[in-house]
C-alpha atoms as a PDB file:
ATOM      1  CA  MET A   1       0.000   0.000   0.000  1.00  0.00           C
ATOM      2  CA  GLU A   2       1.351   3.418  -0.962  1.00  0.00           C
ATOM      3  CA  LYS A   3       2.343   5.551   1.989  1.00  0.00           C
ATOM      4  CA  LYS A   4       0.625   8.893   2.304  1.00  0.00           C
ATOM      5  CA  THR A   5       3.156  11.672   2.137  1.00  0.00           C
ATOM      6  CA  PHE A   6       3.002  14.787   4.239  1.00  0.00           C
ATOM      7  CA  LYS A   7       4.421  18.260   3.823  1.00  0.00           C
ATOM      8  CA  ILE A   8       6.203  20.700   6.071  1.00  0.00           C
ATOM      9  CA  VAL A   9       6.825  24.403   5.651  1.00  0.00           C
ATOM     10  CA  TYR A  10      10.569  24.923   5.235  1.00  0.00           C
ATOM     11  CA  GLU A  11      10.230  28.644   4.567  1.00  0.00           C
ATOM     12  CA  GLY A  12       7.074  30.609   5.337  1.00  0.00           C
ATOM     13  CA  GLY A  13       5.314  32.952   2.974  1.00  0.00           C
ATOM     14  CA  VAL A  14       2.659  35.631   2.558  1.00  0.00           C
ATOM     15  CA  GLY A  15      -0.279  35.526   0.168  1.00  0.00           C
ATOM     16  CA  GLU A  16      -3.083  38.005  -0.403  1.00  0.00           C
ATOM     17  CA  ILE A  17      -6.466  38.011  -2.114  1.00  0.00           C
ATOM     18  CA  GLU A  18      -9.273  40.535  -2.448  1.00  0.00           C
ATOM     19  CA  GLU A  19     -12.966  39.668  -2.278  1.00  0.00           C
ATOM     20  CA  LYS A  20     -15.599  42.394  -2.694  1.00  0.00           C
ATOM     21  CA  LYS A  21     -13.170  45.071  -1.521  1.00  0.00           C
ATOM     22  CA  SER A  22     -12.102  43.090   1.577  1.00  0.00           C
ATOM     23  CA  ARG A  23      -8.382  42.261   1.751  1.00  0.00           C
ATOM     24  CA  PHE A  24      -7.360  38.863   3.103  1.00  0.00           C
ATOM     25  CA  ILE A  25      -3.646  38.563   3.932  1.00  0.00           C
ATOM     26  CA  ALA A  26      -2.320  35.115   4.864  1.00  0.00           C
ATOM     27  CA  HIS A  27       0.933  34.715   6.798  1.00  0.00           C
ATOM     28  CA  VAL A  28       2.213  31.123   6.954  1.00  0.00           C
ATOM     29  CA  ALA A  29       5.111  29.908   9.113  1.00  0.00           C
ATOM     30  CA  PRO A  30       6.711  26.673  10.349  1.00  0.00           C
ATOM     31  CA  ILE A  31       6.391  25.847  14.053  1.00  0.00           C
ATOM     32  CA  THR A  32       7.427  23.084  16.428  1.00  0.00           C
ATOM     33  CA  SER A  33       5.269  23.847  19.478  1.00  0.00           C
ATOM     34  CA  GLU A  34       1.973  25.373  20.541  1.00  0.00           C
ATOM     35  CA  GLU A  35       3.912  28.150  22.264  1.00  0.00           C
ATOM     36  CA  GLU A  36       5.554  29.117  18.963  1.00  0.00           C
ATOM     37  CA  ALA A  37       2.156  29.133  17.276  1.00  0.00           C
ATOM     38  CA  VAL A  38       0.591  31.356  19.928  1.00  0.00           C
ATOM     39  CA  ASN A  39       3.545  33.747  19.803  1.00  0.00           C
ATOM     40  CA  PHE A  40       3.275  33.996  16.016  1.00  0.00           C
ATOM     41  CA  ILE A  41      -0.465  34.647  16.174  1.00  0.00           C
ATOM     42  CA  ASN A  42      -0.064  37.308  18.859  1.00  0.00           C
ATOM     43  CA  ALA A  43       2.714  38.986  16.876  1.00  0.00           C
ATOM     44  CA  LYS A  44       0.498  39.211  13.792  1.00  0.00           C
ATOM     45  CA  LYS A  45      -2.387  40.580  15.846  1.00  0.00           C
ATOM     46  CA  LYS A  46      -0.065  43.258  17.197  1.00  0.00           C
ATOM     47  CA  GLU A  47       1.349  44.019  13.752  1.00  0.00           C
ATOM     48  CA  PHE A  48      -2.098  44.275  12.165  1.00  0.00           C
ATOM     49  CA  TRP A  49      -3.897  45.810  15.134  1.00  0.00           C
ATOM     50  CA  ASP A  50      -6.019  47.998  12.854  1.00  0.00           C
ATOM     51  CA  ALA A  51      -7.552  45.059  10.963  1.00  0.00           C
ATOM     52  CA  ARG A  52     -11.095  43.888  11.611  1.00  0.00           C
ATOM     53  CA  HIS A  53     -10.054  40.246  12.089  1.00  0.00           C
ATOM     54  CA  ASN A  54      -6.881  38.169  12.527  1.00  0.00           C
ATOM     55  CA  CYS A  55      -8.107  34.594  12.217  1.00  0.00           C
ATOM     56  CA  SER A  56      -5.769  31.669  12.811  1.00  0.00           C
ATOM     57  CA  ALA A  57      -5.204  27.936  12.559  1.00  0.00           C
ATOM     58  CA  PHE A  58      -2.303  25.624  13.305  1.00  0.00           C
ATOM     59  CA  VAL A  59      -1.324  21.954  13.313  1.00  0.00           C
ATOM     60  CA  ILE A  60       1.455  20.322  15.336  1.00  0.00           C
ATOM     61  CA  GLY A  61       2.889  16.813  15.439  1.00  0.00           C
ATOM     62  CA  ASP A  62       3.790  13.989  13.078  1.00  0.00           C
ATOM     63  CA  ASN A  63       0.157  12.884  13.194  1.00  0.00           C
ATOM     64  CA  ASN A  64      -1.356  16.329  13.778  1.00  0.00           C
ATOM     65  CA  GLU A  65      -1.825  15.573  17.464  1.00  0.00           C
ATOM     66  CA  VAL A  66      -2.574  19.249  18.178  1.00  0.00           C
ATOM     67  CA  THR A  67      -4.961  21.277  16.007  1.00  0.00           C
ATOM     68  CA  ARG A  68      -6.357  24.689  16.896  1.00  0.00           C
ATOM     69  CA  CYS A  69      -8.343  27.370  15.093  1.00  0.00           C
ATOM     70  CA  ASN A  70      -9.907  30.731  15.923  1.00  0.00           C
ATOM     71  CA  ASP A  71     -12.515  32.816  14.087  1.00  0.00           C
ATOM     72  CA  ASP A  72     -11.479  36.054  15.865  1.00  0.00           C
ATOM     73  CA  GLY A  73     -14.923  37.604  15.686  1.00  0.00           C
ATOM     74  CA  GLU A  74     -16.042  36.235  12.339  1.00  0.00           C
ATOM     75  CA  PRO A  75     -19.254  34.127  12.386  1.00  0.00           C
ATOM     76  CA  ALA A  76     -18.600  30.693  13.896  1.00  0.00           C
ATOM     77  CA  GLN A  77     -17.022  28.125  11.555  1.00  0.00           C
ATOM     78  CA  THR A  78     -16.483  30.632   8.721  1.00  0.00           C
ATOM     79  CA  ALA A  79     -12.773  31.384   9.166  1.00  0.00           C
ATOM     80  CA  GLY A  80     -10.566  29.397  11.548  1.00  0.00           C
ATOM     81  CA  ARG A  81     -12.067  25.994  10.829  1.00  0.00           C
ATOM     82  CA  PRO A  82     -12.025  26.397   7.028  1.00  0.00           C
ATOM     83  CA  MET A  83      -8.409  27.558   7.298  1.00  0.00           C
ATOM     84  CA  LEU A  84      -7.539  24.493   9.366  1.00  0.00           C
ATOM     85  CA  ASP A  85      -9.313  22.276   6.839  1.00  0.00           C
ATOM     86  CA  VAL A  86      -6.936  23.500   4.115  1.00  0.00           C
ATOM     87  CA  LEU A  87      -3.889  22.522   6.190  1.00  0.00           C
ATOM     88  CA  LEU A  88      -5.384  19.108   6.936  1.00  0.00           C
ATOM     89  CA  LYS A  89      -6.453  18.485   3.340  1.00  0.00           C
ATOM     90  CA  GLU A  90      -2.983  19.381   2.062  1.00  0.00           C
ATOM     91  CA  ASN A  91      -1.526  17.147   4.818  1.00  0.00           C
ATOM     92  CA  ILE A  92       0.739  19.913   6.067  1.00  0.00           C
ATOM     93  CA  HIS A  93       2.322  19.358   9.480  1.00  0.00           C
ATOM     94  CA  ASN A  94       3.812  21.756  12.040  1.00  0.00           C
ATOM     95  CA  CYS A  95       2.424  24.906  10.500  1.00  0.00           C
ATOM     96  CA  VAL A  96       0.594  28.054  11.610  1.00  0.00           C
ATOM     97  CA  VAL A  97      -1.376  30.475   9.461  1.00  0.00           C
ATOM     98  CA  VAL A  98      -2.915  33.834  10.306  1.00  0.00           C
ATOM     99  CA  VAL A  99      -5.303  35.480   7.864  1.00  0.00           C
ATOM    100  CA  THR A 100      -5.781  39.199   8.413  1.00  0.00           C
ATOM    101  CA  ARG A 101      -8.961  40.723   7.029  1.00  0.00           C
ATOM    102  CA  TYR A 102      -9.404  44.382   6.247  1.00  0.00           C
ATOM    103  CA  PHE A 103     -13.150  44.821   5.803  1.00  0.00           C
ATOM    104  CA  GLY A 104     -14.167  46.447   2.529  1.00  0.00           C
ATOM    105  CA  GLY A 105     -17.712  47.391   3.463  1.00  0.00           C
ATOM    106  CA  VAL A 106     -19.476  44.545   1.656  1.00  0.00           C
ATOM    107  CA  LEU A 107     -20.778  41.511   3.562  1.00  0.00           C
ATOM    108  CA  LEU A 108     -19.677  38.202   2.052  1.00  0.00           C
ATOM    109  CA  GLY A 109     -22.106  35.841   3.756  1.00  0.00           C
ATOM    110  CA  THR A 110     -21.060  32.630   5.475  1.00  0.00           C
ATOM    111  CA  GLY A 111     -20.273  30.770   2.248  1.00  0.00           C
ATOM    112  CA  GLY A 112     -18.323  33.696   0.876  1.00  0.00           C
ATOM    113  CA  LEU A 113     -16.285  33.971   4.061  1.00  0.00           C
ATOM    114  CA  VAL A 114     -15.421  30.272   4.044  1.00  0.00           C
ATOM    115  CA  ARG A 115     -14.253  30.440   0.429  1.00  0.00           C
ATOM    116  CA  ALA A 116     -12.288  33.645   0.975  1.00  0.00           C
ATOM    117  CA  TYR A 117     -10.403  32.413   4.034  1.00  0.00           C
ATOM    118  CA  GLN A 118      -9.590  29.103   2.383  1.00  0.00           C
ATOM    119  CA  LYS A 119      -8.426  30.802  -0.793  1.00  0.00           C
ATOM    120  CA  ALA A 120      -6.216  33.137   1.249  1.00  0.00           C
ATOM    121  CA  VAL A 121      -4.536  30.178   2.972  1.00  0.00           C
ATOM    122  CA  GLN A 122      -3.989  28.482  -0.386  1.00  0.00           C
ATOM    123  CA  GLU A 123      -2.362  31.651  -1.734  1.00  0.00           C
ATOM    124  CA  GLY A 124      -0.139  31.840   1.336  1.00  0.00           C
ATOM    125  CA  LEU A 125       0.968  28.235   0.867  1.00  0.00           C
ATOM    126  CA  LYS A 126       1.861  28.947  -2.771  1.00  0.00           C
ATOM    127  CA  GLU A 127       4.398  31.493  -1.522  1.00  0.00           C
ATOM    128  CA  CYS A 128       6.021  29.026   0.891  1.00  0.00           C
ATOM    129  CA  LYS A 129       8.815  26.565   0.291  1.00  0.00           C
ATOM    130  CA  LEU A 130       7.239  23.204   1.101  1.00  0.00           C
ATOM    131  CA  LEU A 131       9.075  19.916   1.573  1.00  0.00           C
ATOM    132  CA  GLU A 132       7.817  16.325   1.618  1.00  0.00           C
ATOM    133  CA  PRO A 133      10.033  14.421   4.085  1.00  0.00           C
ATOM    134  CA  LYS A 134      10.633  10.711   3.639  1.00  0.00           C
ATOM    135  CA  ILE A 135      12.149   8.028   5.859  1.00  0.00           C
ATOM    136  CA  GLY A 136      15.479   6.718   4.646  1.00  0.00           C
ATOM    137  CA  CYS A 137      19.044   5.819   5.534  1.00  0.00           C
ATOM    138  CA  PRO A 138      22.120   7.851   4.624  1.00  0.00           C
ATOM    139  CA  CYS A 139      24.874   5.625   3.295  1.00  0.00           C
ATOM    140  CA  THR A 140      28.436   5.574   2.026  1.00  0.00           C
ATOM    141  CA  ILE A 141      29.126   3.314  -0.952  1.00  0.00           C
ATOM    142  CA  SER A 142      32.748   2.279  -1.489  1.00  0.00           C
ATOM    143  CA  THR A 143      33.746   0.894  -4.871  1.00  0.00           C
ATOM    144  CA  ASP A 144      36.638   0.623  -7.276  1.00  0.00           C
ATOM    145  CA  TYR A 145      36.731   2.796 -10.377  1.00  0.00           C
ATOM    146  CA  ASN A 146      35.207   0.043 -12.510  1.00  0.00           C
ATOM    147  CA  GLY A 147      32.121  -0.010 -10.322  1.00  0.00           C
ATOM    148  CA  TYR A 148      31.762   3.755  -9.983  1.00  0.00           C
ATOM    149  CA  GLY A 149      29.944   4.362 -13.261  1.00  0.00           C
ATOM    150  CA  LYS A 150      27.570   1.453 -12.666  1.00  0.00           C
ATOM    151  CA  ILE A 151      26.649   2.681  -9.191  1.00  0.00           C
ATOM    152  CA  GLU A 152      26.225   6.243 -10.383  1.00  0.00           C
ATOM    153  CA  TYR A 153      23.863   4.992 -13.097  1.00  0.00           C
ATOM    154  CA  VAL A 154      21.762   3.042 -10.572  1.00  0.00           C
ATOM    155  CA  LEU A 155      21.494   6.064  -8.296  1.00  0.00           C
ATOM    156  CA  ARG A 156      20.461   8.429 -11.072  1.00  0.00           C
ATOM    157  CA  GLU A 157      18.079   5.939 -12.674  1.00  0.00           C
ATOM    158  CA  ASN A 158      16.209   5.590  -9.367  1.00  0.00           C
ATOM    159  CA  ASN A 159      16.378   9.298  -8.472  1.00  0.00           C
ATOM    160  CA  PHE A 160      18.491   8.581  -5.399  1.00  0.00           C
ATOM    161  CA  PRO A 161      20.575  11.669  -4.592  1.00  0.00           C
ATOM    162  CA  ILE A 162      24.344  11.774  -4.995  1.00  0.00           C
ATOM    163  CA  LEU A 163      25.317  14.033  -2.111  1.00  0.00           C
ATOM    164  CA  ASN A 164      29.084  13.802  -2.408  1.00  0.00           C
ATOM    165  CA  THR A 165      31.739  11.789  -4.237  1.00  0.00           C
ATOM    166  CA  GLN A 166      35.333  11.339  -3.087  1.00  0.00           C
ATOM    167  CA  PHE A 167      38.000   9.987  -5.413  1.00  0.00           C
ATOM    168  CA  ALA A 168      41.082   8.345  -3.902  1.00  0.00           C
ATOM    169  CA  ALA A 169      42.407   4.797  -4.169  1.00  0.00           C
ATOM    170  CA  ASP A 170      38.737   3.846  -4.313  1.00  0.00           C
ATOM    171  CA  VAL A 171      35.596   5.915  -4.833  1.00  0.00           C
ATOM    172  CA  GLU A 172      33.206   6.787  -2.006  1.00  0.00           C
ATOM    173  CA  ILE A 173      29.709   7.960  -2.842  1.00  0.00           C
ATOM    174  CA  ASN A 174      27.366   9.462  -0.259  1.00  0.00           C
ATOM    175  CA  SER A 175      23.654   9.043  -0.797  1.00  0.00           C
ATOM    176  CA  VAL A 176      20.412   8.457   1.089  1.00  0.00           C
ATOM    177  CA  ILE A 177      18.048   5.630   0.185  1.00  0.00           C
ATOM    178  CA  PRO A 178      14.350   5.436   1.106  1.00  0.00           C
ATOM    179  CA  SER A 179      13.805   2.719   3.708  1.00  0.00           C
ATOM    180  CA  GLU A 180      11.521   0.664   1.481  1.00  0.00           C
ATOM    181  CA  ASP A 181      14.200   0.546  -1.247  1.00  0.00           C
ATOM    182  CA  MET A 182      17.205  -0.435   0.869  1.00  0.00           C
ATOM    183  CA  GLU A 183      17.046  -4.195   0.381  1.00  0.00           C
ATOM    184  CA  GLY A 184      16.519  -3.950  -3.360  1.00  0.00           C
ATOM    185  CA  PHE A 185      19.290  -1.364  -3.653  1.00  0.00           C
ATOM    186  CA  GLU A 186      21.781  -3.638  -1.903  1.00  0.00           C
ATOM    187  CA  LYS A 187      20.958  -6.484  -4.300  1.00  0.00           C
ATOM    188  CA  ILE A 188      21.312  -4.309  -7.388  1.00  0.00           C
ATOM    189  CA  ILE A 189      24.664  -2.913  -6.250  1.00  0.00           C
ATOM    190  CA  ALA A 190      25.914  -6.408  -5.442  1.00  0.00           C
ATOM    191  CA  ASP A 191      24.867  -7.628  -8.889  1.00  0.00           C
ATOM    192  CA  LYS A 192      26.338  -4.654 -10.753  1.00  0.00           C
ATOM    193  CA  THR A 193      29.712  -4.861  -8.984  1.00  0.00           C
ATOM    194  CA  ALA A 194      29.953  -8.634  -8.499  1.00  0.00           C
ATOM    195  CA  GLY A 195      29.810  -8.076  -4.752  1.00  0.00           C
ATOM    196  CA  SER A 196      32.893  -5.866  -4.622  1.00  0.00           C
ATOM    197  CA  ALA A 197      31.151  -2.653  -3.511  1.00  0.00           C
ATOM    198  CA  LYS A 198      30.527  -2.067   0.181  1.00  0.00           C
ATOM    199  CA  ILE A 199      27.654  -0.083   1.667  1.00  0.00           C
ATOM    200  CA  ILE A 200      27.842   1.422   5.143  1.00  0.00           C
ATOM    201  CA  TRP A 201      24.415   2.401   6.434  1.00  0.00           C
ATOM    202  CA  GLU A 202      23.669   5.066   9.005  1.00  0.00           C
ATOM    203  CA  LYS A 203      20.585   5.251  11.226  1.00  0.00           C
ATOM    204  CA  PRO A 204      17.236   5.983   9.539  1.00  0.00           C
ATOM    205  CA  VAL A 205      16.283   9.642   9.349  1.00  0.00           C
ATOM    206  CA  LYS A 206      13.361  11.749   8.204  1.00  0.00           C
ATOM    207  CA  TYR A 207      14.784  13.689   5.272  1.00  0.00           C
ATOM    208  CA  ASP A 208      14.348  15.643   2.083  1.00  0.00           C
ATOM    209  CA  ILE A 209      16.765  17.020  -0.491  1.00  0.00           C
ATOM    210  CA  LEU A 210      16.923  20.757  -1.161  1.00  0.00           C
ATOM    211  CA  ASP A 211      19.319  22.220  -3.728  1.00  0.00           C
ATOM    212  CA  GLY A 212      21.458  19.085  -3.506  1.00  0.00           C
ATOM    213  CA  ARG A 213      21.678  19.260   0.296  1.00  0.00           C
ATOM    214  CA  LEU A 214      20.452  16.591   2.698  1.00  0.00           C
ATOM    215  CA  LEU A 215      18.024  18.034   5.234  1.00  0.00           C
ATOM    216  CA  THR A 216      17.033  15.928   8.231  1.00  0.00           C
ATOM    217  CA  PHE A 217      14.131  16.547  10.554  1.00  0.00           C
END
């Protein structure tokens, strides 16, 4: 069964929409605790003190153990909960969002409010740098020069990252392999190099690759 991936906010962002002259400004940020979320929300309320509403939602934990939302004066279930629903639907973890509304003088109705707040969150997420962490094991592959090209081909063919390569008497290649692919990878490398290559595995990590760099979480 295919594992459901999740996303985290690596770099926050700001998105804005306008609905019937009302401005909706979404600020999205990564968090690791409820305290961080509350501090972020309070900071935005202070920054945008002149706005009619500063509605918020956040999720915390690998399985979204903590979820909170606040309508901040909007009709019940028209702001905070719809905002939270976007985060849950997109399967985004450890994230807080505040949507600031500057009222434009035209009432949107409950349905209009729900759509506007959700659209604002979606725009905010578009401006973020999102990652999809996986579980895998960093490894060092040692091989002779005859095996180097074969191993490099296997890595690239399977979209496994080549993080670093050191050339000396032998060649050492640093990579990270998704946990579910480790056994198959070992067999392929053994076949391609007639068992001469050696793989040293490190402990499993939650990771993603950004600009060729290994990020662990």
